[in-house]
Protein backbone atom coordinates (compact mmCIF):
# COMPACT_ATOMS: atom_id res chain seq x y z
CA LEU A 1 31.94 37.33 9.59
CA GLY A 2 32.42 39.99 7.39
CA SER A 3 34.74 41.94 9.80
CA LEU A 4 37.03 38.89 10.54
CA ILE A 5 37.53 38.29 6.94
CA ALA A 6 38.61 41.43 6.21
CA SER A 7 40.83 41.52 9.35
CA LEU A 8 42.77 38.53 8.20
CA PRO A 9 46.33 39.56 6.77
CA LEU A 10 46.19 37.78 3.51
CA ILE A 11 47.68 40.03 1.05
CA SER A 12 50.80 39.97 3.81
CA VAL A 13 51.04 36.15 3.84
CA LEU A 14 50.66 35.90 0.42
CA GLY A 15 53.31 38.29 -0.25
CA MET A 16 55.66 36.87 2.07
CA ILE A 17 55.06 33.28 0.54
CA TRP A 18 55.71 34.96 -2.94
CA MET A 19 58.84 36.52 -1.55
CA TYR A 20 60.02 32.89 0.07
CA GLY A 21 59.28 31.13 -3.30
CA GLU A 22 60.93 33.76 -5.45
CA THR A 23 64.35 34.61 -3.52
CA LYS A 24 64.02 32.20 -0.15
CA ASN A 25 65.48 35.49 1.46
CA ILE A 26 64.54 34.74 5.25
CA GLU A 27 66.16 38.12 6.23
CA LYS A 28 63.83 40.32 3.85
CA ILE A 29 60.63 38.15 4.88
CA ALA A 30 61.55 38.87 8.44
CA THR A 31 61.90 42.55 7.83
CA HIS A 32 58.90 42.91 5.83
CA ALA A 33 56.75 41.14 8.64
CA GLU A 34 58.04 43.06 11.00
CA GLY A 35 57.61 46.44 8.97
CA THR A 36 53.94 45.46 8.48
CA PHE A 37 53.47 44.99 12.18
CA TRP A 38 54.67 48.63 13.08
CA TYR A 39 52.47 49.88 10.08
CA VAL A 40 49.52 48.09 11.28
CA LEU A 41 49.39 49.94 14.64
CA PRO A 42 48.96 53.24 13.52
CA SER A 43 46.17 52.58 11.08
CA LEU A 44 44.17 50.69 13.93
CA PRO A 45 42.58 54.31 15.53
CA MET A 46 40.79 54.89 12.08
CA PHE A 47 38.61 51.71 13.11
CA LEU A 48 37.44 53.34 16.00
CA THR A 49 37.40 57.04 15.12
CA MET A 50 35.04 56.28 12.04
CA PRO A 51 32.34 54.38 13.31
CA TRP A 52 32.48 57.02 16.64
CA MET A 53 31.65 59.84 14.01
CA LEU A 54 29.33 57.55 11.97
CA ARG A 55 27.41 57.22 15.13
CA LYS A 56 27.39 60.98 15.71
CA GLY A 57 25.73 61.28 12.71
CA ILE A 58 28.85 62.76 10.53
CA SER A 59 28.62 61.74 6.90
CA PHE A 60 30.67 58.75 5.28
CA PRO A 61 33.06 60.99 3.32
CA VAL A 62 33.90 63.17 6.22
CA SER A 63 34.57 60.13 8.53
CA ILE A 64 36.48 58.23 5.94
CA SER A 65 38.45 61.19 5.26
CA THR A 66 39.30 61.91 8.90
CA GLY A 67 40.31 58.31 9.28
CA ILE A 68 42.69 58.70 6.40
CA VAL A 69 44.21 61.83 7.64
CA LEU A 70 44.71 60.58 10.96
CA THR A 71 46.33 57.32 9.67
CA GLY A 72 48.58 59.50 7.52
CA ILE A 73 49.55 61.60 10.40
CA LEU A 74 50.23 58.41 12.71
CA TYR A 75 52.25 57.02 9.98
CA ILE A 76 54.43 59.60 10.10
CA LEU A 77 54.92 59.89 13.74
CA THR A 78 55.49 56.20 13.85
CA THR A 79 58.24 56.33 11.57
CA LYS A 80 59.82 59.39 13.42
CA ILE A 81 59.22 57.55 16.73
CA LEU A 82 60.72 54.47 15.58
CA ALA A 83 63.73 56.19 13.78
CA ARG A 84 64.87 57.73 17.15
CA PHE A 85 65.17 53.93 18.60
CA GLY A 86 67.26 52.95 15.14
CA MET A 87 64.39 51.49 13.38
CA ASN A 88 63.92 52.62 9.73
CA LEU A 89 61.00 51.60 7.91
């Protein structure tokens, strides 16, 4: 249940509701939603890498640090790849 609740995009949904309430700018909200989608994808491998490392006996600090570094690298790669297709996040 905790994993399910943590996976809900509550902050993004609240942010879009707030943006709509303040600006009514549909294009800005659409851009935000699309950008959020593309930034979620490179963060997902962290949630597979960490449990794998932890189950192999690797300490939590090393596992989470590796997950964070991996996510950062994947963010950079994602933005560079998307930029080649004309999408600038």
